[in-house]
Amino acid sequence: MNENEGIYTQSNLYIENREKLRLTGVKDVDNFDDFNISAKTQKGDLVITGENLKIAKLDVDSGELLVDGLIQSVFYSESTPQKSTSFFGRLMK
């Protein structure tokens, strides 16, 4: 068992007064600027949008991300790749 494996079993999101965001279960941050932050979590890809966004802390070892700024939206998308099914596999469904 990987020592970080237990860290990534949960992903929790906390927002305080739309000005501070704390996210646990973070694997990586793909990209960021003053308006968008894209992070990979155990539960899928997460996009944070807002104004004057700053990453106050990123610790992928503990899986924690802290963001300051005006939080306008937060949404998840699934990060699992689509499985291709053969013709016979689709036929058997």
PDB file of N, CA and C in Angstrom:
ATOM      1  N   MET A   1       0.845  -1.186   0.000  1.00  0.00           N
ATOM      2  CA  MET A   1       0.000   0.000   0.000  1.00  0.00           C
ATOM      3  C   MET A   1       0.890   1.248   0.000  1.00  0.00           C
ATOM      4  N   ASN A   2       0.599   2.161  -0.900  1.00  0.00           N
ATOM      5  CA  ASN A   2       1.314   3.431  -0.996  1.00  0.00           C
ATOM      6  C   ASN A   2       1.010   4.261   0.251  1.00  0.00           C
ATOM      7  N   GLU A   3       2.019   4.962   0.796  1.00  0.00           N
ATOM      8  CA  GLU A   3       1.790   5.726   2.029  1.00  0.00           C
ATOM      9  C   GLU A   3       0.790   6.863   1.830  1.00  0.00           C
ATOM     10  N   ASN A   4       0.633   7.400   0.616  1.00  0.00           N
ATOM     11  CA  ASN A   4      -0.320   8.468   0.350  1.00  0.00           C
ATOM     12  C   ASN A   4      -1.698   7.954  -0.063  1.00  0.00           C
ATOM     13  N   GLU A   5      -1.850   6.661  -0.211  1.00  0.00           N
ATOM     14  CA  GLU A   5      -3.096   6.095  -0.706  1.00  0.00           C
ATOM     15  C   GLU A   5      -4.286   6.438   0.183  1.00  0.00           C
ATOM     16  N   GLY A   6      -4.128   6.415   1.498  1.00  0.00           N
ATOM     17  CA  GLY A   6      -5.219   6.723   2.410  1.00  0.00           C
ATOM     18  C   GLY A   6      -5.640   8.176   2.376  1.00  0.00           C
ATOM     19  N   ILE A   7      -4.725   9.067   2.020  1.00  0.00           N
ATOM     20  CA  ILE A   7      -5.023  10.497   1.962  1.00  0.00           C
ATOM     21  C   ILE A   7      -6.067  10.783   0.895  1.00  0.00           C
ATOM     22  N   TYR A   8      -6.005  10.054  -0.213  1.00  0.00           N
ATOM     23  CA  TYR A   8      -6.832  10.358  -1.362  1.00  0.00           C
ATOM     24  C   TYR A   8      -8.170   9.626  -1.384  1.00  0.00           C
ATOM     25  N   THR A   9      -8.562   8.991  -0.300  1.00  0.00           N
ATOM     26  CA  THR A   9      -9.833   8.279  -0.305  1.00  0.00           C
ATOM     27  C   THR A   9     -11.012   9.218  -0.127  1.00  0.00           C
ATOM     28  N   GLN A  10     -10.775  10.423   0.374  1.00  0.00           N
ATOM     29  CA  GLN A  10     -11.841  11.405   0.552  1.00  0.00           C
ATOM     30  C   GLN A  10     -11.415  12.730  -0.050  1.00  0.00           C
ATOM     31  N   SER A  11     -12.413  13.479  -0.492  1.00  0.00           N
ATOM     32  CA  SER A  11     -12.166  14.835  -0.967  1.00  0.00           C
ATOM     33  C   SER A  11     -13.233  15.718  -0.348  1.00  0.00           C
ATOM     34  N   ASN A  12     -12.814  16.651   0.494  1.00  0.00           N
ATOM     35  CA  ASN A  12     -13.745  17.553   1.169  1.00  0.00           C
ATOM     36  C   ASN A  12     -13.495  18.973   0.719  1.00  0.00           C
ATOM     37  N   LEU A  13     -14.588  19.742   0.639  1.00  0.00           N
ATOM     38  CA  LEU A  13     -14.523  21.113   0.166  1.00  0.00           C
ATOM     39  C   LEU A  13     -15.192  22.018   1.186  1.00  0.00           C
ATOM     40  N   TYR A  14     -14.473  23.066   1.598  1.00  0.00           N
ATOM     41  CA  TYR A  14     -14.992  24.032   2.560  1.00  0.00           C
ATOM     42  C   TYR A  14     -14.835  25.427   1.961  1.00  0.00           C
ATOM     43  N   ILE A  15     -15.897  26.226   2.005  1.00  0.00           N
ATOM     44  CA  ILE A  15     -15.832  27.608   1.529  1.00  0.00           C
ATOM     45  C   ILE A  15     -16.275  28.519   2.671  1.00  0.00           C
ATOM     46  N   GLU A  16     -15.458  29.537   2.944  1.00  0.00           N
ATOM     47  CA  GLU A  16     -15.754  30.479   4.019  1.00  0.00           C
ATOM     48  C   GLU A  16     -16.003  31.866   3.421  1.00  0.00           C
ATOM     49  N   ASN A  17     -17.237  32.348   3.561  1.00  0.00           N
ATOM     50  CA  ASN A  17     -17.621  33.697   3.122  1.00  0.00           C
ATOM     51  C   ASN A  17     -17.256  33.989   1.661  1.00  0.00           C
ATOM     52  N   ARG A  18     -17.219  32.973   0.832  1.00  0.00           N
ATOM     53  CA  ARG A  18     -16.864  33.099  -0.586  1.00  0.00           C
ATOM     54  C   ARG A  18     -15.477  33.716  -0.800  1.00  0.00           C
ATOM     55  N   GLU A  19     -14.654  33.738   0.244  1.00  0.00           N
ATOM     56  CA  GLU A  19     -13.333  34.357   0.153  1.00  0.00           C
ATOM     57  C   GLU A  19     -12.188  33.381   0.398  1.00  0.00           C
ATOM     58  N   LYS A  20     -12.486  32.259   1.031  1.00  0.00           N
ATOM     59  CA  LYS A  20     -11.459  31.261   1.317  1.00  0.00           C
ATOM     60  C   LYS A  20     -12.026  29.889   0.987  1.00  0.00           C
ATOM     61  N   LEU A  21     -11.203  29.074   0.354  1.00  0.00           N
ATOM     62  CA  LEU A  21     -11.612  27.718  -0.012  1.00  0.00           C
ATOM     63  C   LEU A  21     -10.543  26.761   0.480  1.00  0.00           C
ATOM     64  N   ARG A  22     -10.974  25.671   1.083  1.00  0.00           N
ATOM     65  CA  ARG A  22     -10.060  24.608   1.518  1.00  0.00           C
ATOM     66  C   ARG A  22     -10.543  23.313   0.887  1.00  0.00           C
ATOM     67  N   LEU A  23      -9.636  22.632   0.213  1.00  0.00           N
ATOM     68  CA  LEU A  23      -9.960  21.382  -0.470  1.00  0.00           C
ATOM     69  C   LEU A  23      -8.986  20.314  -0.016  1.00  0.00           C
ATOM     70  N   THR A  24      -9.500  19.152   0.364  1.00  0.00           N
ATOM     71  CA  THR A  24      -8.647  18.022   0.720  1.00  0.00           C
ATOM     72  C   THR A  24      -8.807  16.933  -0.331  1.00  0.00           C
ATOM     73  N   GLY A  25      -7.859  16.016  -0.371  1.00  0.00           N
ATOM     74  CA  GLY A  25      -7.887  14.944  -1.356  1.00  0.00           C
ATOM     75  C   GLY A  25      -7.352  15.376  -2.711  1.00  0.00           C
ATOM     76  N   VAL A  26      -6.533  16.415  -2.733  1.00  0.00           N
ATOM     77  CA  VAL A  26      -5.977  16.944  -3.981  1.00  0.00           C
ATOM     78  C   VAL A  26      -4.785  16.095  -4.416  1.00  0.00           C
ATOM     79  N   LYS A  27      -4.792  15.712  -5.674  1.00  0.00           N
ATOM     80  CA  LYS A  27      -3.660  14.979  -6.248  1.00  0.00           C
ATOM     81  C   LYS A  27      -2.698  15.914  -6.966  1.00  0.00           C
ATOM     82  N   ASP A  28      -3.252  16.928  -7.655  1.00  0.00           N
ATOM     83  CA  ASP A  28      -2.421  17.819  -8.457  1.00  0.00           C
ATOM     84  C   ASP A  28      -3.237  19.041  -8.864  1.00  0.00           C
ATOM     85  N   VAL A  29      -2.560  20.120  -9.208  1.00  0.00           N
ATOM     86  CA  VAL A  29      -3.200  21.292  -9.801  1.00  0.00           C
ATOM     87  C   VAL A  29      -2.705  21.372 -11.239  1.00  0.00           C
ATOM     88  N   ASP A  30      -3.636  21.301 -12.206  1.00  0.00           N
ATOM     89  CA  ASP A  30      -3.269  21.314 -13.618  1.00  0.00           C
ATOM     90  C   ASP A  30      -2.835  22.693 -14.077  1.00  0.00           C
ATOM     91  N   ASN A  31      -3.664  23.711 -13.792  1.00  0.00           N
ATOM     92  CA  ASN A  31      -3.315  25.073 -14.162  1.00  0.00           C
ATOM     93  C   ASN A  31      -4.083  26.045 -13.288  1.00  0.00           C
ATOM     94  N   PHE A  32      -3.597  27.290 -13.281  1.00  0.00           N
ATOM     95  CA  PHE A  32      -4.253  28.309 -12.460  1.00  0.00           C
ATOM     96  C   PHE A  32      -3.879  29.692 -12.964  1.00  0.00           C
ATOM     97  N   ASP A  33      -4.782  30.627 -12.741  1.00  0.00           N
ATOM     98  CA  ASP A  33      -4.530  32.042 -12.958  1.00  0.00           C
ATOM     99  C   ASP A  33      -5.434  32.811 -12.011  1.00  0.00           C
ATOM    100  N   ASP A  34      -5.591  34.106 -12.205  1.00  0.00           N
ATOM    101  CA  ASP A  34      -6.403  34.917 -11.291  1.00  0.00           C
ATOM    102  C   ASP A  34      -7.894  34.596 -11.352  1.00  0.00           C
ATOM    103  N   PHE A  35      -8.331  33.868 -12.400  1.00  0.00           N
ATOM    104  CA  PHE A  35      -9.757  33.621 -12.607  1.00  0.00           C
ATOM    105  C   PHE A  35     -10.165  32.151 -12.541  1.00  0.00           C
ATOM    106  N   ASN A  36      -9.243  31.219 -12.726  1.00  0.00           N
ATOM    107  CA  ASN A  36      -9.557  29.788 -12.753  1.00  0.00           C
ATOM    108  C   ASN A  36      -8.450  28.979 -12.094  1.00  0.00           C
ATOM    109  N   ILE A  37      -8.866  27.934 -11.388  1.00  0.00           N
ATOM    110  CA  ILE A  37      -7.927  26.947 -10.855  1.00  0.00           C
ATOM    111  C   ILE A  37      -8.502  25.577 -11.184  1.00  0.00           C
ATOM    112  N   SER A  38      -7.704  24.724 -11.823  1.00  0.00           N
ATOM    113  CA  SER A  38      -8.119  23.362 -12.158  1.00  0.00           C
ATOM    114  C   SER A  38      -7.290  22.387 -11.336  1.00  0.00           C
ATOM    115  N   ALA A  39      -7.976  21.556 -10.553  1.00  0.00           N
ATOM    116  CA  ALA A  39      -7.283  20.603  -9.684  1.00  0.00           C
ATOM    117  C   ALA A  39      -7.802  19.193  -9.927  1.00  0.00           C
ATOM    118  N   LYS A  40      -6.927  18.228  -9.745  1.00  0.00           N
ATOM    119  CA  LYS A  40      -7.319  16.819  -9.808  1.00  0.00           C
ATOM    120  C   LYS A  40      -7.482  16.325  -8.377  1.00  0.00           C
ATOM    121  N   THR A  41      -8.645  15.709  -8.105  1.00  0.00           N
ATOM    122  CA  THR A  41      -8.902  15.137  -6.792  1.00  0.00           C
ATOM    123  C   THR A  41      -9.258  13.672  -6.961  1.00  0.00           C
ATOM    124  N   GLN A  42      -9.368  12.975  -5.870  1.00  0.00           N
ATOM    125  CA  GLN A  42      -9.763  11.574  -5.894  1.00  0.00           C
ATOM    126  C   GLN A  42     -11.169  11.410  -6.471  1.00  0.00           C
ATOM    127  N   LYS A  43     -12.009  12.403  -6.311  1.00  0.00           N
ATOM    128  CA  LYS A  43     -13.406  12.315  -6.737  1.00  0.00           C
ATOM    129  C   LYS A  43     -13.650  12.928  -8.108  1.00  0.00           C
ATOM    130  N   GLY A  44     -12.606  13.351  -8.809  1.00  0.00           N
ATOM    131  CA  GLY A  44     -12.751  13.904 -10.149  1.00  0.00           C
ATOM    132  C   GLY A  44     -12.021  15.220 -10.285  1.00  0.00           C
ATOM    133  N   ASP A  45     -12.092  15.776 -11.478  1.00  0.00           N
ATOM    134  CA  ASP A  45     -11.472  17.073 -11.726  1.00  0.00           C
ATOM    135  C   ASP A  45     -12.357  18.161 -11.143  1.00  0.00           C
ATOM    136  N   LEU A  46     -11.732  19.169 -10.544  1.00  0.00           N
ATOM    137  CA  LEU A  46     -12.457  20.263  -9.916  1.00  0.00           C
ATOM    138  C   LEU A  46     -11.991  21.572 -10.534  1.00  0.00           C
ATOM    139  N   VAL A  47     -12.947  22.429 -10.907  1.00  0.00           N
ATOM    140  CA  VAL A  47     -12.634  23.741 -11.457  1.00  0.00           C
ATOM    141  C   VAL A  47     -13.219  24.794 -10.525  1.00  0.00           C
ATOM    142  N   ILE A  48     -12.376  25.718 -10.117  1.00  0.00           N
ATOM    143  CA  ILE A  48     -12.772  26.836  -9.256  1.00  0.00           C
ATOM    144  C   ILE A  48     -12.663  28.097 -10.099  1.00  0.00           C
ATOM    145  N   THR A  49     -13.737  28.896 -10.147  1.00  0.00           N
ATOM    146  CA  THR A  49     -13.680  30.154 -10.882  1.00  0.00           C
ATOM    147  C   THR A  49     -13.963  31.298  -9.925  1.00  0.00           C
ATOM    148  N   GLY A  50     -13.423  32.461 -10.250  1.00  0.00           N
ATOM    149  CA  GLY A  50     -13.624  33.621  -9.403  1.00  0.00           C
ATOM    150  C   GLY A  50     -12.768  34.785  -9.858  1.00  0.00           C
ATOM    151  N   GLU A  51     -12.471  35.673  -8.928  1.00  0.00           N
ATOM    152  CA  GLU A  51     -11.643  36.845  -9.199  1.00  0.00           C
ATOM    153  C   GLU A  51     -10.534  36.926  -8.163  1.00  0.00           C
ATOM    154  N   ASN A  52      -9.375  37.370  -8.610  1.00  0.00           N
ATOM    155  CA  ASN A  52      -8.203  37.519  -7.730  1.00  0.00           C
ATOM    156  C   ASN A  52      -7.878  36.235  -6.973  1.00  0.00           C
ATOM    157  N   LEU A  53      -7.998  35.101  -7.642  1.00  0.00           N
ATOM    158  CA  LEU A  53      -7.720  33.815  -7.000  1.00  0.00           C
ATOM    159  C   LEU A  53      -6.223  33.642  -6.804  1.00  0.00           C
ATOM    160  N   LYS A  54      -5.852  33.233  -5.619  1.00  0.00           N
ATOM    161  CA  LYS A  54      -4.458  32.980  -5.261  1.00  0.00           C
ATOM    162  C   LYS A  54      -4.389  31.640  -4.534  1.00  0.00           C
ATOM    163  N   ILE A  55      -3.408  30.857  -4.889  1.00  0.00           N
ATOM    164  CA  ILE A  55      -3.174  29.615  -4.150  1.00  0.00           C
ATOM    165  C   ILE A  55      -2.349  29.970  -2.920  1.00  0.00           C
ATOM    166  N   ALA A  56      -2.987  29.896  -1.754  1.00  0.00           N
ATOM    167  CA  ALA A  56      -2.311  30.211  -0.495  1.00  0.00           C
ATOM    168  C   ALA A  56      -1.435  29.044  -0.046  1.00  0.00           C
ATOM    169  N   LYS A  57      -1.884  27.809  -0.358  1.00  0.00           N
ATOM    170  CA  LYS A  57      -1.116  26.625   0.029  1.00  0.00           C
ATOM    171  C   LYS A  57      -1.490  25.479  -0.898  1.00  0.00           C
ATOM    172  N   LEU A  58      -0.483  24.758  -1.341  1.00  0.00           N
ATOM    173  CA  LEU A  58      -0.689  23.520  -2.087  1.00  0.00           C
ATOM    174  C   LEU A  58       0.293  22.500  -1.548  1.00  0.00           C
ATOM    175  N   ASP A  59      -0.237  21.428  -0.975  1.00  0.00           N
ATOM    176  CA  ASP A  59       0.593  20.352  -0.438  1.00  0.00           C
ATOM    177  C   ASP A  59       0.036  19.036  -0.952  1.00  0.00           C
ATOM    178  N   VAL A  60       0.597  18.531  -2.037  1.00  0.00           N
ATOM    179  CA  VAL A  60       0.083  17.289  -2.609  1.00  0.00           C
ATOM    180  C   VAL A  60       0.436  16.080  -1.747  1.00  0.00           C
ATOM    181  N   ASP A  61       1.445  16.207  -0.890  1.00  0.00           N
ATOM    182  CA  ASP A  61       1.768  15.101   0.020  1.00  0.00           C
ATOM    183  C   ASP A  61       0.637  14.868   1.015  1.00  0.00           C
ATOM    184  N   SER A  62       0.058  15.960   1.526  1.00  0.00           N
ATOM    185  CA  SER A  62      -1.075  15.823   2.455  1.00  0.00           C
ATOM    186  C   SER A  62      -2.407  15.934   1.723  1.00  0.00           C
ATOM    187  N   GLY A  63      -2.383  16.348   0.446  1.00  0.00           N
ATOM    188  CA  GLY A  63      -3.609  16.458  -0.339  1.00  0.00           C
ATOM    189  C   GLY A  63      -4.414  17.711  -0.051  1.00  0.00           C
ATOM    190  N   GLU A  64      -3.770  18.791   0.364  1.00  0.00           N
ATOM    191  CA  GLU A  64      -4.495  19.993   0.775  1.00  0.00           C
ATOM    192  C   GLU A  64      -4.220  21.162  -0.165  1.00  0.00           C
ATOM    193  N   LEU A  65      -5.296  21.893  -0.502  1.00  0.00           N
ATOM    194  CA  LEU A  65      -5.219  23.103  -1.307  1.00  0.00           C
ATOM    195  C   LEU A  65      -5.999  24.196  -0.601  1.00  0.00           C
ATOM    196  N   LEU A  66      -5.367  25.367  -0.419  1.00  0.00           N
ATOM    197  CA  LEU A  66      -6.033  26.531   0.150  1.00  0.00           C
ATOM    198  C   LEU A  66      -6.024  27.634  -0.898  1.00  0.00           C
ATOM    199  N   VAL A  67      -7.196  28.259  -1.127  1.00  0.00           N
ATOM    200  CA  VAL A  67      -7.337  29.308  -2.134  1.00  0.00           C
ATOM    201  C   VAL A  67      -7.950  30.536  -1.479  1.00  0.00           C
ATOM    202  N   ASP A  68      -7.397  31.712  -1.794  1.00  0.00           N
ATOM    203  CA  ASP A  68      -7.950  32.993  -1.360  1.00  0.00           C
ATOM    204  C   ASP A  68      -8.434  33.738  -2.598  1.00  0.00           C
ATOM    205  N   GLY A  69      -9.478  34.558  -2.436  1.00  0.00           N
ATOM    206  CA  GLY A  69     -10.030  35.356  -3.516  1.00  0.00           C
ATOM    207  C   GLY A  69     -11.546  35.283  -3.492  1.00  0.00           C
ATOM    208  N   LEU A  70     -12.183  35.893  -4.476  1.00  0.00           N
ATOM    209  CA  LEU A  70     -13.645  35.846  -4.570  1.00  0.00           C
ATOM    210  C   LEU A  70     -14.050  34.579  -5.315  1.00  0.00           C
ATOM    211  N   ILE A  71     -14.660  33.631  -4.609  1.00  0.00           N
ATOM    212  CA  ILE A  71     -15.080  32.365  -5.198  1.00  0.00           C
ATOM    213  C   ILE A  71     -16.440  32.570  -5.859  1.00  0.00           C
ATOM    214  N   GLN A  72     -16.527  32.320  -7.172  1.00  0.00           N
ATOM    215  CA  GLN A  72     -17.791  32.481  -7.882  1.00  0.00           C
ATOM    216  C   GLN A  72     -18.457  31.151  -8.204  1.00  0.00           C
ATOM    217  N   SER A  73     -17.675  30.135  -8.524  1.00  0.00           N
ATOM    218  CA  SER A  73     -18.274  28.824  -8.784  1.00  0.00           C
ATOM    219  C   SER A  73     -17.249  27.724  -8.571  1.00  0.00           C
ATOM    220  N   VAL A  74     -17.770  26.544  -8.278  1.00  0.00           N
ATOM    221  CA  VAL A  74     -16.967  25.347  -8.092  1.00  0.00           C
ATOM    222  C   VAL A  74     -17.734  24.206  -8.727  1.00  0.00           C
ATOM    223  N   PHE A  75     -17.081  23.447  -9.610  1.00  0.00           N
ATOM    224  CA  PHE A  75     -17.785  22.299 -10.179  1.00  0.00           C
ATOM    225  C   PHE A  75     -16.833  21.149 -10.442  1.00  0.00           C
ATOM    226  N   TYR A  76     -17.385  19.935 -10.315  1.00  0.00           N
ATOM    227  CA  TYR A  76     -16.649  18.699 -10.532  1.00  0.00           C
ATOM    228  C   TYR A  76     -17.000  18.123 -11.892  1.00  0.00           C
ATOM    229  N   SER A  77     -16.041  17.415 -12.462  1.00  0.00           N
ATOM    230  CA  SER A  77     -16.302  16.583 -13.626  1.00  0.00           C
ATOM    231  C   SER A  77     -15.574  15.268 -13.406  1.00  0.00           C
ATOM    232  N   GLU A  78     -16.069  14.229 -13.996  1.00  0.00           N
ATOM    233  CA  GLU A  78     -15.435  12.924 -13.823  1.00  0.00           C
ATOM    234  C   GLU A  78     -14.127  12.895 -14.587  1.00  0.00           C
ATOM    235  N   SER A  79     -13.099  12.321 -13.981  1.00  0.00           N
ATOM    236  CA  SER A  79     -11.795  12.263 -14.636  1.00  0.00           C
ATOM    237  C   SER A  79     -11.470  10.867 -15.140  1.00  0.00           C
ATOM    238  N   THR A  80     -12.419   9.946 -15.038  1.00  0.00           N
ATOM    239  CA  THR A  80     -12.152   8.591 -15.495  1.00  0.00           C
ATOM    240  C   THR A  80     -12.315   8.514 -16.999  1.00  0.00           C
ATOM    241  N   PRO A  81     -11.381   7.881 -17.695  1.00  0.00           N
ATOM    242  CA  PRO A  81     -11.490   7.774 -19.145  1.00  0.00           C
ATOM    243  C   PRO A  81     -12.640   6.859 -19.545  1.00  0.00           C
ATOM    244  N   GLN A  82     -13.241   7.149 -20.691  1.00  0.00           N
ATOM    245  CA  GLN A  82     -14.328   6.326 -21.205  1.00  0.00           C
ATOM    246  C   GLN A  82     -13.756   5.009 -21.710  1.00  0.00           C
ATOM    247  N   LYS A  83     -14.426   3.908 -21.384  1.00  0.00           N
ATOM    248  CA  LYS A  83     -13.999   2.606 -21.864  1.00  0.00           C
ATOM    249  C   LYS A  83     -14.610   2.372 -23.238  1.00  0.00           C
ATOM    250  N   SER A  84     -13.795   1.876 -24.152  1.00  0.00           N
ATOM    251  CA  SER A  84     -14.344   1.523 -25.463  1.00  0.00           C
ATOM    252  C   SER A  84     -14.832   0.085 -25.389  1.00  0.00           C
ATOM    253  N   THR A  85     -15.935  -0.165 -26.010  1.00  0.00           N
ATOM    254  CA  THR A  85     -16.532  -1.491 -26.008  1.00  0.00           C
ATOM    255  C   THR A  85     -16.550  -2.019 -27.433  1.00  0.00           C
ATOM    256  N   SER A  86     -16.203  -3.277 -27.580  1.00  0.00           N
ATOM    257  CA  SER A  86     -16.203  -3.875 -28.907  1.00  0.00           C
ATOM    258  C   SER A  86     -17.635  -4.048 -29.409  1.00  0.00           C
ATOM    259  N   PHE A  87     -17.757  -4.332 -30.679  1.00  0.00           N
ATOM    260  CA  PHE A  87     -19.066  -4.558 -31.293  1.00  0.00           C
ATOM    261  C   PHE A  87     -19.813  -5.659 -30.558  1.00  0.00           C
ATOM    262  N   PHE A  88     -19.147  -6.768 -30.253  1.00  0.00           N
ATOM    263  CA  PHE A  88     -19.802  -7.885 -29.585  1.00  0.00           C
ATOM    264  C   PHE A  88     -20.133  -7.555 -28.137  1.00  0.00           C
ATOM    265  N   GLY A  89     -19.313  -6.734 -27.497  1.00  0.00           N
ATOM    266  CA  GLY A  89     -19.607  -6.300 -26.131  1.00  0.00           C
ATOM    267  C   GLY A  89     -20.866  -5.458 -26.068  1.00  0.00           C
ATOM    268  N   ARG A  90     -21.045  -4.572 -27.052  1.00  0.00           N
ATOM    269  CA  ARG A  90     -22.268  -3.753 -27.097  1.00  0.00           C
ATOM    270  C   ARG A  90     -23.478  -4.618 -27.435  1.00  0.00           C
ATOM    271  N   LEU A  91     -23.281  -5.620 -28.267  1.00  0.00           N
ATOM    272  CA  LEU A  91     -24.360  -6.513 -28.679  1.00  0.00           C
ATOM    273  C   LEU A  91     -24.887  -7.344 -27.507  1.00  0.00           C
ATOM    274  N   MET A  92     -24.004  -7.696 -26.568  1.00  0.00           N
ATOM    275  CA  MET A  92     -24.372  -8.557 -25.460  1.00  0.00           C
ATOM    276  C   MET A  92     -25.089  -7.810 -24.339  1.00  0.00           C
ATOM    277  N   LYS A  93     -25.113  -6.465 -24.366  1.00  0.00           N
ATOM    278  CA  LYS A  93     -25.781  -5.700 -23.304  1.00  0.00           C
ATOM    279  C   LYS A  93     -27.258  -5.851 -23.342  1.00  0.00           C
TER     280      LYS A  93
END
